[in-house]
Every structure is written in structure tokens, then in C-alpha cells.
PDB file of all heavy atoms in Angstrom:
ATOM      1  N   ARG A   1      42.284 -80.288  35.560  1.00  0.00           N
ATOM      2  CA  ARG A   1      43.111 -79.450  36.440  1.00  0.00           C
ATOM      3  C   ARG A   1      42.430 -79.189  37.782  1.00  0.00           C
ATOM      4  O   ARG A   1      42.938 -78.433  38.607  1.00  0.00           O
ATOM      5  CB  ARG A   1      43.434 -78.130  35.752  1.00  0.00           C
ATOM      6  CG  ARG A   1      44.346 -78.276  34.533  1.00  0.00           C
ATOM      7  CD  ARG A   1      44.770 -76.924  33.989  1.00  0.00           C
ATOM      8  NE  ARG A   1      45.728 -77.063  32.911  1.00  0.00           N
ATOM      9  CZ  ARG A   1      45.399 -77.162  31.630  1.00  0.00           C
ATOM     10  NH1 ARG A   1      44.111 -77.155  31.276  1.00  0.00           N
ATOM     11  NH2 ARG A   1      46.322 -77.273  30.700  1.00  0.00           N
ATOM     12  N   GLY A   2      41.260 -79.786  37.982  1.00  0.00           N
ATOM     13  CA  GLY A   2      40.574 -79.649  39.259  1.00  0.00           C
ATOM     14  C   GLY A   2      39.787 -78.365  39.421  1.00  0.00           C
ATOM     15  O   GLY A   2      39.492 -77.959  40.553  1.00  0.00           O
ATOM     16  N   LEU A   3      39.414 -77.722  38.321  1.00  0.00           N
ATOM     17  CA  LEU A   3      38.682 -76.463  38.383  1.00  0.00           C
ATOM     18  C   LEU A   3      37.252 -76.639  37.882  1.00  0.00           C
ATOM     19  O   LEU A   3      36.978 -77.489  37.042  1.00  0.00           O
ATOM     20  CB  LEU A   3      39.390 -75.403  37.531  1.00  0.00           C
ATOM     21  CG  LEU A   3      40.824 -75.066  37.932  1.00  0.00           C
ATOM     22  CD1 LEU A   3      41.435 -74.093  36.922  1.00  0.00           C
ATOM     23  CD2 LEU A   3      40.883 -74.493  39.339  1.00  0.00           C
ATOM     24  N   ALA A   4      36.361 -75.790  38.392  1.00  0.00           N
ATOM     25  CA  ALA A   4      34.962 -75.823  37.973  1.00  0.00           C
ATOM     26  C   ALA A   4      34.766 -74.859  36.800  1.00  0.00           C
ATOM     27  O   ALA A   4      34.194 -73.775  36.944  1.00  0.00           O
ATOM     28  CB  ALA A   4      34.054 -75.448  39.140  1.00  0.00           C
ATOM     29  N   VAL A   5      35.241 -75.252  35.630  1.00  0.00           N
ATOM     30  CA  VAL A   5      35.220 -74.353  34.473  1.00  0.00           C
ATOM     31  C   VAL A   5      34.008 -74.568  33.574  1.00  0.00           C
ATOM     32  O   VAL A   5      33.679 -73.707  32.749  1.00  0.00           O
ATOM     33  CB  VAL A   5      36.512 -74.499  33.637  1.00  0.00           C
ATOM     34  CG1 VAL A   5      37.724 -74.121  34.462  1.00  0.00           C
ATOM     35  CG2 VAL A   5      36.648 -75.909  33.087  1.00  0.00           C
ATOM     36  N   ASP A   6      33.335 -75.709  33.712  1.00  0.00           N
ATOM     37  CA  ASP A   6      32.167 -76.011  32.889  1.00  0.00           C
ATOM     38  C   ASP A   6      30.904 -75.761  33.705  1.00  0.00           C
ATOM     39  O   ASP A   6      30.873 -75.978  34.914  1.00  0.00           O
ATOM     40  CB  ASP A   6      32.201 -77.468  32.432  1.00  0.00           C
ATOM     41  CG  ASP A   6      33.479 -77.805  31.687  1.00  0.00           C
ATOM     42  OD1 ASP A   6      33.523 -77.578  30.471  1.00  0.00           O
ATOM     43  OD2 ASP A   6      34.441 -78.278  32.336  1.00  0.00           O
ATOM     44  N   ASP A   7      29.851 -75.326  33.016  1.00  0.00           N
ATOM     45  CA  ASP A   7      28.623 -75.027  33.741  1.00  0.00           C
ATOM     46  C   ASP A   7      27.432 -75.057  32.795  1.00  0.00           C
ATOM     47  O   ASP A   7      27.579 -75.028  31.561  1.00  0.00           O
ATOM     48  CB  ASP A   7      28.715 -73.644  34.402  1.00  0.00           C
ATOM     49  CG  ASP A   7      27.908 -73.538  35.686  1.00  0.00           C
ATOM     50  OD1 ASP A   7      26.976 -74.357  35.878  1.00  0.00           O
ATOM     51  OD2 ASP A   7      28.200 -72.633  36.492  1.00  0.00           O
ATOM     52  N   ILE A   8      26.254 -75.140  33.404  1.00  0.00           N
ATOM     53  CA  ILE A   8      24.992 -74.991  32.696  1.00  0.00           C
ATOM     54  C   ILE A   8      24.230 -73.893  33.426  1.00  0.00           C
ATOM     55  O   ILE A   8      23.723 -74.110  34.531  1.00  0.00           O
ATOM     56  CB  ILE A   8      24.192 -76.303  32.656  1.00  0.00           C
ATOM     57  CG1 ILE A   8      25.012 -77.407  31.981  1.00  0.00           C
ATOM     58  CG2 ILE A   8      22.860 -76.099  31.935  1.00  0.00           C
ATOM     59  CD1 ILE A   8      24.350 -78.780  32.007  1.00  0.00           C
ATOM     60  N   LEU A   9      24.207 -72.702  32.862  1.00  0.00           N
ATOM     61  CA  LEU A   9      23.496 -71.572  33.452  1.00  0.00           C
ATOM     62  C   LEU A   9      22.043 -71.599  32.987  1.00  0.00           C
ATOM     63  O   LEU A   9      21.771 -71.915  31.827  1.00  0.00           O
ATOM     64  CB  LEU A   9      24.151 -70.254  33.058  1.00  0.00           C
ATOM     65  CG  LEU A   9      25.654 -70.093  33.335  1.00  0.00           C
ATOM     66  CD1 LEU A   9      26.113 -68.695  32.950  1.00  0.00           C
ATOM     67  CD2 LEU A   9      25.986 -70.385  34.788  1.00  0.00           C
ATOM     68  N   TYR A  10      21.129 -71.224  33.868  1.00  0.00           N
ATOM     69  CA  TYR A  10      19.720 -71.319  33.505  1.00  0.00           C
ATOM     70  C   TYR A  10      18.950 -70.094  33.992  1.00  0.00           C
ATOM     71  O   TYR A  10      19.286 -69.456  34.984  1.00  0.00           O
ATOM     72  CB  TYR A  10      19.099 -72.601  34.066  1.00  0.00           C
ATOM     73  CG  TYR A  10      19.057 -72.675  35.579  1.00  0.00           C
ATOM     74  CD1 TYR A  10      17.911 -72.341  36.289  1.00  0.00           C
ATOM     75  CD2 TYR A  10      20.179 -73.078  36.300  1.00  0.00           C
ATOM     76  CE1 TYR A  10      17.874 -72.405  37.673  1.00  0.00           C
ATOM     77  CE2 TYR A  10      20.153 -73.150  37.681  1.00  0.00           C
ATOM     78  CZ  TYR A  10      18.997 -72.802  38.362  1.00  0.00           C
ATOM     79  OH  TYR A  10      18.973 -72.856  39.733  1.00  0.00           O
ATOM     80  N   ASP A  11      17.895 -69.788  33.264  1.00  0.00           N
ATOM     81  CA  ASP A  11      17.007 -68.682  33.583  1.00  0.00           C
ATOM     82  C   ASP A  11      16.240 -68.988  34.870  1.00  0.00           C
ATOM     83  O   ASP A  11      15.772 -70.111  35.058  1.00  0.00           O
ATOM     84  CB  ASP A  11      16.022 -68.490  32.424  1.00  0.00           C
ATOM     85  CG  ASP A  11      15.272 -67.178  32.498  1.00  0.00           C
ATOM     86  OD1 ASP A  11      14.510 -66.996  33.472  1.00  0.00           O
ATOM     87  OD2 ASP A  11      15.415 -66.356  31.586  1.00  0.00           O
ATOM     88  N   PRO A  12      16.096 -68.019  35.779  1.00  0.00           N
ATOM     89  CA  PRO A  12      15.402 -68.294  37.040  1.00  0.00           C
ATOM     90  C   PRO A  12      13.909 -68.599  36.901  1.00  0.00           C
ATOM     91  O   PRO A  12      13.291 -69.022  37.885  1.00  0.00           O
ATOM     92  CB  PRO A  12      15.639 -67.024  37.866  1.00  0.00           C
ATOM     93  CG  PRO A  12      16.032 -65.977  36.896  1.00  0.00           C
ATOM     94  CD  PRO A  12      16.715 -66.678  35.771  1.00  0.00           C
ATOM     95  N   VAL A  13      13.318 -68.408  35.726  1.00  0.00           N
ATOM     96  CA  VAL A  13      11.928 -68.849  35.554  1.00  0.00           C
ATOM     97  C   VAL A  13      11.856 -70.370  35.490  1.00  0.00           C
ATOM     98  O   VAL A  13      10.767 -70.951  35.613  1.00  0.00           O
ATOM     99  CB  VAL A  13      11.267 -68.235  34.305  1.00  0.00           C
ATOM    100  CG1 VAL A  13      11.326 -66.722  34.356  1.00  0.00           C
ATOM    101  CG2 VAL A  13      11.900 -68.750  33.022  1.00  0.00           C
ATOM    102  N   LEU A  14      12.994 -71.025  35.293  1.00  0.00           N
ATOM    103  CA  LEU A  14      13.086 -72.483  35.344  1.00  0.00           C
ATOM    104  C   LEU A  14      13.551 -72.893  36.738  1.00  0.00           C
ATOM    105  O   LEU A  14      14.252 -72.146  37.410  1.00  0.00           O
ATOM    106  CB  LEU A  14      14.077 -72.995  34.294  1.00  0.00           C
ATOM    107  CG  LEU A  14      13.857 -72.497  32.863  1.00  0.00           C
ATOM    108  CD1 LEU A  14      15.005 -72.950  31.974  1.00  0.00           C
ATOM    109  CD2 LEU A  14      12.528 -72.982  32.316  1.00  0.00           C
ATOM    110  N   SER A  15      13.176 -74.092  37.154  1.00  0.00           N
ATOM    111  CA  SER A  15      13.579 -74.595  38.463  1.00  0.00           C
ATOM    112  C   SER A  15      14.588 -75.720  38.282  1.00  0.00           C
ATOM    113  O   SER A  15      14.416 -76.583  37.417  1.00  0.00           O
ATOM    114  CB  SER A  15      12.371 -75.110  39.246  1.00  0.00           C
ATOM    115  OG  SER A  15      11.443 -74.070  39.484  1.00  0.00           O
ATOM    116  N   LEU A  16      15.627 -75.703  39.100  1.00  0.00           N
ATOM    117  CA  LEU A  16      16.649 -76.748  39.053  1.00  0.00           C
ATOM    118  C   LEU A  16      16.235 -77.892  39.972  1.00  0.00           C
ATOM    119  O   LEU A  16      16.194 -77.736  41.196  1.00  0.00           O
ATOM    120  CB  LEU A  16      18.000 -76.182  39.486  1.00  0.00           C
ATOM    121  CG  LEU A  16      19.175 -77.167  39.511  1.00  0.00           C
ATOM    122  CD1 LEU A  16      19.495 -77.664  38.110  1.00  0.00           C
ATOM    123  CD2 LEU A  16      20.400 -76.513  40.147  1.00  0.00           C
ATOM    124  N   ASN A  17      15.936 -79.035  39.382  1.00  0.00           N
ATOM    125  CA  ASN A  17      15.597 -80.214  40.171  1.00  0.00           C
ATOM    126  C   ASN A  17      16.839 -80.951  40.663  1.00  0.00           C
ATOM    127  O   ASN A  17      16.887 -81.432  41.789  1.00  0.00           O
ATOM    128  CB  ASN A  17      14.726 -81.173  39.367  1.00  0.00           C
ATOM    129  CG  ASN A  17      13.341 -80.625  39.117  1.00  0.00           C
ATOM    130  OD1 ASN A  17      12.894 -79.716  39.819  1.00  0.00           O
ATOM    131  ND2 ASN A  17      12.653 -81.153  38.120  1.00  0.00           N
ATOM    132  N   SER A  18      17.849 -81.064  39.774  1.00  0.00           N
ATOM    133  CA  SER A  18      19.057 -81.792  40.142  1.00  0.00           C
ATOM    134  C   SER A  18      20.184 -81.439  39.192  1.00  0.00           C
ATOM    135  O   SER A  18      19.949 -80.936  38.075  1.00  0.00           O
ATOM    136  CB  SER A  18      18.819 -83.305  40.116  1.00  0.00           C
ATOM    137  OG  SER A  18      18.516 -83.738  38.801  1.00  0.00           O
ATOM    138  N   SER A  19      21.407 -81.695  39.624  1.00  0.00           N
ATOM    139  CA  SER A  19      22.585 -81.518  38.772  1.00  0.00           C
ATOM    140  C   SER A  19      23.575 -82.620  39.097  1.00  0.00           C
ATOM    141  O   SER A  19      23.582 -83.163  40.209  1.00  0.00           O
ATOM    142  CB  SER A  19      23.223 -80.147  38.975  1.00  0.00           C
ATOM    143  OG  SER A  19      23.726 -80.017  40.299  1.00  0.00           O
ATOM    144  N   SER A  20      24.422 -82.947  38.124  1.00  0.00           N
ATOM    145  CA  SER A  20      25.426 -83.990  38.354  1.00  0.00           C
ATOM    146  C   SER A  20      26.652 -83.722  37.503  1.00  0.00           C
ATOM    147  O   SER A  20      26.575 -83.058  36.452  1.00  0.00           O
ATOM    148  CB  SER A  20      24.862 -85.379  38.029  1.00  0.00           C
ATOM    149  OG  SER A  20      24.558 -85.489  36.645  1.00  0.00           O
ATOM    150  N   VAL A  21      27.782 -84.236  37.966  1.00  0.00           N
ATOM    151  CA  VAL A  21      29.058 -84.140  37.258  1.00  0.00           C
ATOM    152  C   VAL A  21      29.618 -85.545  37.156  1.00  0.00           C
ATOM    153  O   VAL A  21      29.796 -86.225  38.169  1.00  0.00           O
ATOM    154  CB  VAL A  21      30.032 -83.209  38.010  1.00  0.00           C
ATOM    155  CG1 VAL A  21      31.427 -83.302  37.409  1.00  0.00           C
ATOM    156  CG2 VAL A  21      29.532 -81.772  37.964  1.00  0.00           C
ATOM    157  N   HIS A  22      29.902 -85.965  35.914  1.00  0.00           N
ATOM    158  CA  HIS A  22      30.322 -87.339  35.670  1.00  0.00           C
ATOM    159  C   HIS A  22      31.681 -87.333  34.980  1.00  0.00           C
ATOM    160  O   HIS A  22      31.810 -86.949  33.819  1.00  0.00           O
ATOM    161  CB  HIS A  22      29.288 -88.047  34.791  1.00  0.00           C
ATOM    162  CG  HIS A  22      29.606 -89.475  34.492  1.00  0.00           C
ATOM    163  ND1 HIS A  22      29.732 -90.429  35.473  1.00  0.00           N
ATOM    164  CD2 HIS A  22      29.828 -90.115  33.312  1.00  0.00           C
ATOM    165  CE1 HIS A  22      30.011 -91.598  34.919  1.00  0.00           C
ATOM    166  NE2 HIS A  22      30.087 -91.433  33.609  1.00  0.00           N
ATOM    167  N   HIS A  23      32.723 -87.751  35.697  1.00  0.00           N
ATOM    168  CA  HIS A  23      34.066 -87.829  35.134  1.00  0.00           C
ATOM    169  C   HIS A  23      34.234 -89.178  34.448  1.00  0.00           C
ATOM    170  O   HIS A  23      34.008 -90.225  35.062  1.00  0.00           O
ATOM    171  CB  HIS A  23      35.114 -87.664  36.232  1.00  0.00           C
ATOM    172  CG  HIS A  23      35.112 -86.305  36.858  1.00  0.00           C
ATOM    173  ND1 HIS A  23      35.853 -85.252  36.366  1.00  0.00           N
ATOM    174  CD2 HIS A  23      34.434 -85.819  37.927  1.00  0.00           C
ATOM    175  CE1 HIS A  23      35.646 -84.178  37.106  1.00  0.00           C
ATOM    176  NE2 HIS A  23      34.783 -84.497  38.068  1.00  0.00           N
ATOM    177  N   SER A  24      34.636 -89.143  33.178  1.00  0.00           N
ATOM    178  CA  SER A  24      34.762 -90.415  32.464  1.00  0.00           C
ATOM    179  C   SER A  24      35.882 -90.348  31.439  1.00  0.00           C
ATOM    180  O   SER A  24      37.048 -90.227  31.816  1.00  0.00           O
ATOM    181  CB  SER A  24      33.431 -90.803  31.827  1.00  0.00           C
ATOM    182  OG  SER A  24      32.996 -89.818  30.911  1.00  0.00           O
ATOM    183  N   VAL A  25      35.564 -90.366  30.154  1.00  0.00           N
ATOM    184  CA  VAL A  25      36.577 -90.593  29.135  1.00  0.00           C
ATOM    185  C   VAL A  25      37.207 -89.323  28.559  1.00  0.00           C
ATOM    186  O   VAL A  25      38.190 -89.396  27.835  1.00  0.00           O
ATOM    187  CB  VAL A  25      35.996 -91.433  27.976  1.00  0.00           C
ATOM    188  CG1 VAL A  25      35.626 -92.821  28.455  1.00  0.00           C
ATOM    189  CG2 VAL A  25      34.785 -90.742  27.351  1.00  0.00           C
ATOM    190  N   SER A  26      36.635 -88.156  28.833  1.00  0.00           N
ATOM    191  CA  SER A  26      37.209 -86.910  28.347  1.00  0.00           C
ATOM    192  C   SER A  26      37.983 -86.232  29.468  1.00  0.00           C
ATOM    193  O   SER A  26      37.876 -86.605  30.639  1.00  0.00           O
ATOM    194  CB  SER A  26      36.109 -85.976  27.827  1.00  0.00           C
ATOM    195  OG  SER A  26      36.666 -84.750  27.375  1.00  0.00           O
ATOM    196  N   ASP A  27      38.772 -85.203  29.114  1.00  0.00           N
ATOM    197  CA  ASP A  27      39.495 -84.466  30.151  1.00  0.00           C
ATOM    198  C   ASP A  27      38.593 -83.454  30.846  1.00  0.00           C
ATOM    199  O   ASP A  27      39.022 -82.772  31.775  1.00  0.00           O
ATOM    200  CB  ASP A  27      40.752 -83.804  29.588  1.00  0.00           C
ATOM    201  CG  ASP A  27      40.453 -82.788  28.497  1.00  0.00           C
ATOM    202  OD1 ASP A  27      39.321 -82.779  27.974  1.00  0.00           O
ATOM    203  OD2 ASP A  27      41.359 -82.010  28.149  1.00  0.00           O
ATOM    204  N   HIS A  28      37.353 -83.326  30.401  1.00  0.00           N
ATOM    205  CA  HIS A  28      36.332 -82.535  31.085  1.00  0.00           C
ATOM    206  C   HIS A  28      35.202 -83.463  31.505  1.00  0.00           C
ATOM    207  O   HIS A  28      34.916 -84.466  30.823  1.00  0.00           O
ATOM    208  CB  HIS A  28      35.770 -81.441  30.175  1.00  0.00           C
ATOM    209  CG  HIS A  28      36.694 -80.282  29.983  1.00  0.00           C
ATOM    210  ND1 HIS A  28      36.442 -79.025  30.469  1.00  0.00           N
ATOM    211  CD2 HIS A  28      37.884 -80.194  29.343  1.00  0.00           C
ATOM    212  CE1 HIS A  28      37.419 -78.208  30.146  1.00  0.00           C
ATOM    213  NE2 HIS A  28      38.317 -78.892  29.451  1.00  0.00           N
ATOM    214  N   ALA A  29      34.541 -83.118  32.589  1.00  0.00           N
ATOM    215  CA  ALA A  29      33.421 -83.920  33.066  1.00  0.00           C
ATOM    216  C   ALA A  29      32.182 -83.653  32.221  1.00  0.00           C
ATOM    217  O   ALA A  29      31.996 -82.567  31.658  1.00  0.00           O
ATOM    218  CB  ALA A  29      33.125 -83.594  34.519  1.00  0.00           C
ATOM    219  N   LEU A  30      31.334 -84.653  32.142  1.00  0.00           N
ATOM    220  CA  LEU A  30      30.015 -84.539  31.536  1.00  0.00           C
ATOM    221  C   LEU A  30      29.083 -83.951  32.594  1.00  0.00           C
ATOM    222  O   LEU A  30      28.857 -84.557  33.646  1.00  0.00           O
ATOM    223  CB  LEU A  30      29.532 -85.906  31.078  1.00  0.00           C
ATOM    224  CG  LEU A  30      28.086 -86.057  30.614  1.00  0.00           C
ATOM    225  CD1 LEU A  30      27.773 -85.142  29.445  1.00  0.00           C
ATOM    226  CD2 LEU A  30      27.807 -87.512  30.252  1.00  0.00           C
ATOM    227  N   CYS A  31      28.561 -82.760  32.334  1.00  0.00           N
ATOM    228  CA  CYS A  31      27.688 -82.057  33.283  1.00  0.00           C
ATOM    229  C   CYS A  31      26.237 -82.209  32.840  1.00  0.00           C
ATOM    230  O   CYS A  31      25.930 -82.053  31.651  1.00  0.00           O
ATOM    231  CB  CYS A  31      28.050 -80.584  33.343  1.00  0.00           C
ATOM    232  SG  CYS A  31      29.761 -80.242  33.818  1.00  0.00           S
ATOM    233  N   SER A  32      25.350 -82.477  33.786  1.00  0.00           N
ATOM    234  CA  SER A  32      23.944 -82.686  33.461  1.00  0.00           C
ATOM    235  C   SER A  32      23.053 -82.012  34.491  1.00  0.00           C
ATOM    236  O   SER A  32      23.397 -81.962  35.682  1.00  0.00           O
ATOM    237  CB  SER A  32      23.602 -84.174  33.396  1.00  0.00           C
ATOM    238  OG  SER A  32      24.367 -84.829  32.400  1.00  0.00           O
ATOM    239  N   VAL A  33      21.908 -81.516  34.025  1.00  0.00           N
ATOM    240  CA  VAL A  33      20.909 -80.938  34.925  1.00  0.00           C
ATOM    241  C   VAL A  33      19.531 -81.430  34.514  1.00  0.00           C
ATOM    242  O   VAL A  33      19.294 -81.790  33.359  1.00  0.00           O
ATOM    243  CB  VAL A  33      20.916 -79.400  34.914  1.00  0.00           C
ATOM    244  CG1 VAL A  33      22.262 -78.855  35.379  1.00  0.00           C
ATOM    245  CG2 VAL A  33      20.566 -78.851  33.532  1.00  0.00           C
ATOM    246  N   GLU A  34      18.631 -81.437  35.493  1.00  0.00           N
ATOM    247  CA  GLU A  34      17.216 -81.608  35.212  1.00  0.00           C
ATOM    248  C   GLU A  34      16.508 -80.335  35.638  1.00  0.00           C
ATOM    249  O   GLU A  34      16.616 -79.914  36.797  1.00  0.00           O
ATOM    250  CB  GLU A  34      16.649 -82.816  35.966  1.00  0.00           C
ATOM    251  CG  GLU A  34      15.163 -83.035  35.687  1.00  0.00           C
ATOM    252  CD  GLU A  34      14.587 -84.205  36.432  1.00  0.00           C
ATOM    253  OE1 GLU A  34      14.791 -85.367  35.962  1.00  0.00           O
ATOM    254  OE2 GLU A  34      13.959 -83.981  37.482  1.00  0.00           O
TER     255      GLU A  34
END
């Protein structure tokens, strides 16, 4: 539906190196973080 409904929330003691959203075979995107 074009909304940002999925997420990966993280504790600020961790550092976010990268994030990605991959649209493929499901009706929701595969979300990934490092």
C-alpha cells in the first residue's frame, strides 16, 4: 500500500551502519540492517 509499516528498532548503544529495503516476492518488503 506504499506505507512504511515495517521497521527494525534498535537500542542507541548500538550503531547503525546501514539499512536496506528489498521488495520481492511478498506483499511486504524484506528489511535489513547492519
